[in-house]
């Protein structure tokens, strides 16, 4: 947003801000972890497309993505502040909520259609978030690209799993 960017924060508040973004993203990871205690078992018993990744791949991918998401959000906040990046940071908050909802829907409640709707909405929000972040920090926007790719893939996988496993 032209005219709203500030000089990057250089005092101790930037570390507190980073901690806040890390904690927000970590809370999403905890919700996912609690909701997916039996995810490996659920995943193994579902009919899957031939291109479905092995279950062990999800944890390391999500850990890396959560780090990128937290840093991207922090970079935008650091550059523009809450007021200067209100729209971008609102999208950030919305994607966190949608991200947190997917695992309980898919694994906990085994509501695959609801999980599909959730992840399609998540992909749409990330798609809007990338250019919103780019207006403040191109680096932050670039950090979100692997997240977009993974969620696009996960959307296709969720759709396939919903199709192959009726009743969910």
C-alpha atoms as a PDB file:
ATOM      1  CA  UNK A   1       0.000   0.000   0.000  1.00  0.00           C
ATOM      2  CA  UNK A   2       1.723   3.180  -1.117  1.00  0.00           C
ATOM      3  CA  UNK A   3       2.350   5.636   1.640  1.00  0.00           C
ATOM      4  CA  UNK A   4       1.691   3.199   4.473  1.00  0.00           C
ATOM      5  CA  UNK A   5       5.067   1.530   4.700  1.00  0.00           C
ATOM      6  CA  UNK A   6       7.234   2.406   7.646  1.00  0.00           C
ATOM      7  CA  UNK A   7      10.902   1.918   8.157  1.00  0.00           C
ATOM      8  CA  UNK A   8      11.504  -1.640   9.341  1.00  0.00           C
ATOM      9  CA  UNK A   9      11.200  -1.908  13.097  1.00  0.00           C
ATOM     10  CA  UNK A  10      14.587  -2.282  14.737  1.00  0.00           C
ATOM     11  CA  UNK A  11      13.798  -2.241  18.442  1.00  0.00           C
ATOM     12  CA  UNK A  12      12.842  -5.109  20.753  1.00  0.00           C
ATOM     13  CA  UNK A  13       9.249  -4.933  19.514  1.00  0.00           C
ATOM     14  CA  UNK A  14      10.245  -6.773  16.356  1.00  0.00           C
ATOM     15  CA  UNK A  15      11.284  -9.814  18.401  1.00  0.00           C
ATOM     16  CA  UNK A  16       8.023  -9.675  20.318  1.00  0.00           C
ATOM     17  CA  UNK A  17       6.185  -9.377  17.004  1.00  0.00           C
ATOM     18  CA  UNK A  18       8.039 -12.382  15.610  1.00  0.00           C
ATOM     19  CA  UNK A  19       7.198 -14.325  18.768  1.00  0.00           C
ATOM     20  CA  UNK A  20       3.532 -13.387  18.314  1.00  0.00           C
ATOM     21  CA  UNK A  21       3.460 -14.649  14.742  1.00  0.00           C
ATOM     22  CA  UNK A  22       5.288 -17.832  15.707  1.00  0.00           C
ATOM     23  CA  UNK A  23       2.835 -18.432  18.573  1.00  0.00           C
ATOM     24  CA  UNK A  24      -0.197 -17.840  16.338  1.00  0.00           C
ATOM     25  CA  UNK A  25       1.073 -20.303  13.758  1.00  0.00           C
ATOM     26  CA  UNK A  26       2.143 -22.750  16.481  1.00  0.00           C
ATOM     27  CA  UNK A  27      -1.406 -22.653  17.871  1.00  0.00           C
ATOM     28  CA  UNK A  28      -2.681 -23.756  14.448  1.00  0.00           C
ATOM     29  CA  UNK A  29      -0.113 -26.566  14.427  1.00  0.00           C
ATOM     30  CA  UNK A  30      -1.201 -27.673  17.910  1.00  0.00           C
ATOM     31  CA  UNK A  31      -4.867 -27.765  16.863  1.00  0.00           C
ATOM     32  CA  UNK A  32      -3.867 -29.869  13.874  1.00  0.00           C
ATOM     33  CA  UNK A  33      -1.714 -32.131  16.010  1.00  0.00           C
ATOM     34  CA  UNK A  34      -4.434 -32.711  18.581  1.00  0.00           C
ATOM     35  CA  UNK A  35      -7.032 -33.367  15.899  1.00  0.00           C
ATOM     36  CA  UNK A  36      -4.779 -35.746  14.027  1.00  0.00           C
ATOM     37  CA  UNK A  37      -3.647 -38.006  16.839  1.00  0.00           C
ATOM     38  CA  UNK A  38      -4.909 -40.965  14.804  1.00  0.00           C
ATOM     39  CA  UNK A  39      -4.321 -39.345  11.393  1.00  0.00           C
ATOM     40  CA  UNK A  40      -1.871 -42.038  10.315  1.00  0.00           C
ATOM     41  CA  UNK A  41      -4.435 -44.747  10.975  1.00  0.00           C
ATOM     42  CA  UNK A  42      -7.265 -42.832   9.314  1.00  0.00           C
ATOM     43  CA  UNK A  43      -5.084 -41.986   6.306  1.00  0.00           C
ATOM     44  CA  UNK A  44      -3.925 -45.594   5.936  1.00  0.00           C
ATOM     45  CA  UNK A  45      -7.453 -47.022   5.870  1.00  0.00           C
ATOM     46  CA  UNK A  46      -8.791 -44.554   3.296  1.00  0.00           C
ATOM     47  CA  UNK A  47      -8.868 -45.356  -0.390  1.00  0.00           C
ATOM     48  CA  UNK A  48      -6.246 -43.083  -1.950  1.00  0.00           C
ATOM     49  CA  UNK A  49      -5.257 -41.977  -5.417  1.00  0.00           C
ATOM     50  CA  UNK A  50      -2.020 -43.470  -6.757  1.00  0.00           C
ATOM     51  CA  UNK A  51      -0.322 -40.074  -6.403  1.00  0.00           C
ATOM     52  CA  UNK A  52      -1.075 -39.686  -2.677  1.00  0.00           C
ATOM     53  CA  UNK A  53       2.105 -39.074  -0.673  1.00  0.00           C
ATOM     54  CA  UNK A  54       3.105 -41.324   2.222  1.00  0.00           C
ATOM     55  CA  UNK A  55       1.770 -40.185   5.598  1.00  0.00           C
ATOM     56  CA  UNK A  56       5.252 -39.496   7.014  1.00  0.00           C
ATOM     57  CA  UNK A  57       5.741 -36.661   4.503  1.00  0.00           C
ATOM     58  CA  UNK A  58       3.041 -34.401   5.936  1.00  0.00           C
ATOM     59  CA  UNK A  59       4.739 -33.480   9.227  1.00  0.00           C
ATOM     60  CA  UNK A  60       8.049 -32.227   7.805  1.00  0.00           C
ATOM     61  CA  UNK A  61       6.282 -30.357   5.007  1.00  0.00           C
ATOM     62  CA  UNK A  62       3.920 -28.623   7.421  1.00  0.00           C
ATOM     63  CA  UNK A  63       6.704 -27.733   9.839  1.00  0.00           C
ATOM     64  CA  UNK A  64       8.611 -26.014   7.037  1.00  0.00           C
ATOM     65  CA  UNK A  65       5.466 -24.289   5.772  1.00  0.00           C
ATOM     66  CA  UNK A  66       4.498 -23.061   9.237  1.00  0.00           C
ATOM     67  CA  UNK A  67       7.922 -21.452   9.620  1.00  0.00           C
ATOM     68  CA  UNK A  68       7.529 -19.721   6.251  1.00  0.00           C
ATOM     69  CA  UNK A  69       3.994 -18.561   7.099  1.00  0.00           C
ATOM     70  CA  UNK A  70       5.059 -17.076  10.437  1.00  0.00           C
ATOM     71  CA  UNK A  71       8.061 -15.280   8.954  1.00  0.00           C
ATOM     72  CA  UNK A  72       5.978 -13.934   6.049  1.00  0.00           C
ATOM     73  CA  UNK A  73       3.368 -12.502   8.403  1.00  0.00           C
ATOM     74  CA  UNK A  74       6.047 -10.985  10.609  1.00  0.00           C
ATOM     75  CA  UNK A  75       7.820  -9.372   7.647  1.00  0.00           C
ATOM     76  CA  UNK A  76       4.593  -7.656   6.583  1.00  0.00           C
ATOM     77  CA  UNK A  77       3.845  -6.480  10.116  1.00  0.00           C
ATOM     78  CA  UNK A  78       7.454  -5.356  10.593  1.00  0.00           C
ATOM     79  CA  UNK A  79       7.380  -3.292   7.398  1.00  0.00           C
ATOM     80  CA  UNK A  80       3.923  -1.735   7.608  1.00  0.00           C
ATOM     81  CA  UNK A  81       2.538  -2.327  11.095  1.00  0.00           C
ATOM     82  CA  UNK A  82      -1.009  -3.368  11.929  1.00  0.00           C
ATOM     83  CA  UNK A  83      -2.606  -0.248  10.481  1.00  0.00           C
ATOM     84  CA  UNK A  84      -0.526  -0.159   7.320  1.00  0.00           C
ATOM     85  CA  UNK A  85      -1.180  -3.805   6.476  1.00  0.00           C
ATOM     86  CA  UNK A  86      -4.646  -4.293   7.929  1.00  0.00           C
ATOM     87  CA  UNK A  87      -6.064  -6.022   4.841  1.00  0.00           C
ATOM     88  CA  UNK A  88      -3.068  -8.301   4.377  1.00  0.00           C
ATOM     89  CA  UNK A  89      -2.932  -9.227   8.049  1.00  0.00           C
ATOM     90  CA  UNK A  90      -6.690  -9.840   8.139  1.00  0.00           C
ATOM     91  CA  UNK A  91      -6.208 -12.340   5.311  1.00  0.00           C
ATOM     92  CA  UNK A  92      -3.344 -13.822   7.344  1.00  0.00           C
ATOM     93  CA  UNK A  93      -5.682 -14.331  10.318  1.00  0.00           C
ATOM     94  CA  UNK A  94      -8.444 -15.816   8.148  1.00  0.00           C
ATOM     95  CA  UNK A  95      -6.058 -18.330   6.574  1.00  0.00           C
ATOM     96  CA  UNK A  96      -4.898 -19.380  10.042  1.00  0.00           C
ATOM     97  CA  UNK A  97      -8.494 -20.142  11.053  1.00  0.00           C
ATOM     98  CA  UNK A  98      -9.174 -22.064   7.844  1.00  0.00           C
ATOM     99  CA  UNK A  99      -5.866 -23.920   8.173  1.00  0.00           C
ATOM    100  CA  UNK A 100      -6.683 -24.881  11.766  1.00  0.00           C
ATOM    101  CA  UNK A 101     -10.141 -26.147  10.755  1.00  0.00           C
ATOM    102  CA  UNK A 102      -9.046 -28.576   8.041  1.00  0.00           C
ATOM    103  CA  UNK A 103      -7.437 -31.302  10.164  1.00  0.00           C
ATOM    104  CA  UNK A 104     -10.295 -31.603  12.677  1.00  0.00           C
ATOM    105  CA  UNK A 105     -12.763 -31.733   9.792  1.00  0.00           C
ATOM    106  CA  UNK A 106     -10.866 -34.270   7.697  1.00  0.00           C
ATOM    107  CA  UNK A 107      -9.395 -36.535  10.370  1.00  0.00           C
ATOM    108  CA  UNK A 108     -11.271 -35.820  13.605  1.00  0.00           C
ATOM    109  CA  UNK A 109     -14.839 -35.604  12.303  1.00  0.00           C
ATOM    110  CA  UNK A 110     -14.132 -37.465   9.044  1.00  0.00           C
ATOM    111  CA  UNK A 111     -16.204 -34.829   7.228  1.00  0.00           C
ATOM    112  CA  UNK A 112     -14.310 -34.857   3.948  1.00  0.00           C
ATOM    113  CA  UNK A 113     -16.765 -32.677   2.021  1.00  0.00           C
ATOM    114  CA  UNK A 114     -16.585 -29.994   4.723  1.00  0.00           C
ATOM    115  CA  UNK A 115     -12.794 -30.340   4.701  1.00  0.00           C
ATOM    116  CA  UNK A 116     -12.836 -29.897   0.914  1.00  0.00           C
ATOM    117  CA  UNK A 117     -14.896 -26.704   1.189  1.00  0.00           C
ATOM    118  CA  UNK A 118     -12.534 -25.478   3.906  1.00  0.00           C
ATOM    119  CA  UNK A 119      -9.364 -26.134   1.913  1.00  0.00           C
ATOM    120  CA  UNK A 120     -10.766 -24.540  -1.258  1.00  0.00           C
ATOM    121  CA  UNK A 121     -11.570 -21.439   0.791  1.00  0.00           C
ATOM    122  CA  UNK A 122      -8.063 -21.619   2.287  1.00  0.00           C
ATOM    123  CA  UNK A 123      -6.540 -21.721  -1.191  1.00  0.00           C
ATOM    124  CA  UNK A 124      -8.639 -18.713  -2.233  1.00  0.00           C
ATOM    125  CA  UNK A 125      -7.510 -16.727   0.812  1.00  0.00           C
ATOM    126  CA  UNK A 126      -3.847 -17.609   0.221  1.00  0.00           C
ATOM    127  CA  UNK A 127      -4.301 -16.591  -3.421  1.00  0.00           C
ATOM    128  CA  UNK A 128      -5.563 -13.180  -2.262  1.00  0.00           C
ATOM    129  CA  UNK A 129      -2.950 -12.939   0.490  1.00  0.00           C
ATOM    130  CA  UNK A 130       0.072 -13.282  -1.818  1.00  0.00           C
ATOM    131  CA  UNK A 131      -0.509 -10.051  -3.793  1.00  0.00           C
ATOM    132  CA  UNK A 132      -1.620  -8.278  -0.602  1.00  0.00           C
ATOM    133  CA  UNK A 133       1.681  -9.265   1.011  1.00  0.00           C
ATOM    134  CA  UNK A 134       3.617  -8.363  -2.159  1.00  0.00           C
ATOM    135  CA  UNK A 135       2.395  -4.766  -1.900  1.00  0.00           C
ATOM    136  CA  UNK A 136       4.201  -4.572   1.443  1.00  0.00           C
ATOM    137  CA  UNK A 137       7.052  -7.091   1.094  1.00  0.00           C
ATOM    138  CA  UNK A 138       7.933  -9.122  -1.965  1.00  0.00           C
ATOM    139  CA  UNK A 139       9.997 -11.409   0.231  1.00  0.00           C
ATOM    140  CA  UNK A 140       6.962 -12.155   2.397  1.00  0.00           C
ATOM    141  CA  UNK A 141       4.884 -12.900  -0.690  1.00  0.00           C
ATOM    142  CA  UNK A 142       7.587 -15.213  -2.052  1.00  0.00           C
ATOM    143  CA  UNK A 143       7.667 -17.105   1.247  1.00  0.00           C
ATOM    144  CA  UNK A 144       3.984 -17.935   0.744  1.00  0.00           C
ATOM    145  CA  UNK A 145       4.434 -19.537  -2.675  1.00  0.00           C
ATOM    146  CA  UNK A 146       5.385 -23.014  -1.333  1.00  0.00           C
ATOM    147  CA  UNK A 147       2.347 -22.805   0.946  1.00  0.00           C
ATOM    148  CA  UNK A 148       0.103 -22.031  -2.040  1.00  0.00           C
ATOM    149  CA  UNK A 149       1.566 -24.930  -4.038  1.00  0.00           C
ATOM    150  CA  UNK A 150       1.124 -27.380  -1.154  1.00  0.00           C
ATOM    151  CA  UNK A 151      -2.441 -26.264  -0.414  1.00  0.00           C
ATOM    152  CA  UNK A 152      -3.319 -26.520  -4.121  1.00  0.00           C
ATOM    153  CA  UNK A 153      -1.956 -30.075  -4.088  1.00  0.00           C
ATOM    154  CA  UNK A 154      -3.730 -30.827  -0.796  1.00  0.00           C
ATOM    155  CA  UNK A 155      -6.972 -29.476  -2.289  1.00  0.00           C
ATOM    156  CA  UNK A 156      -6.711 -31.933  -5.168  1.00  0.00           C
ATOM    157  CA  UNK A 157      -5.861 -34.729  -2.731  1.00  0.00           C
ATOM    158  CA  UNK A 158      -8.801 -33.820  -0.483  1.00  0.00           C
ATOM    159  CA  UNK A 159     -11.113 -33.853  -3.489  1.00  0.00           C
ATOM    160  CA  UNK A 160      -9.785 -37.257  -4.599  1.00  0.00           C
ATOM    161  CA  UNK A 161     -10.125 -38.702  -1.099  1.00  0.00           C
ATOM    162  CA  UNK A 162     -13.681 -37.384  -0.833  1.00  0.00           C
ATOM    163  CA  UNK A 163     -14.530 -38.985  -4.185  1.00  0.00           C
ATOM    164  CA  UNK A 164     -12.878 -42.310  -3.314  1.00  0.00           C
ATOM    165  CA  UNK A 165     -14.380 -42.538   0.184  1.00  0.00           C
ATOM    166  CA  UNK A 166     -18.125 -41.881  -0.023  1.00  0.00           C
ATOM    167  CA  UNK A 167     -19.983 -41.003   3.089  1.00  0.00           C
ATOM    168  CA  UNK A 168     -17.464 -38.549   4.529  1.00  0.00           C
END
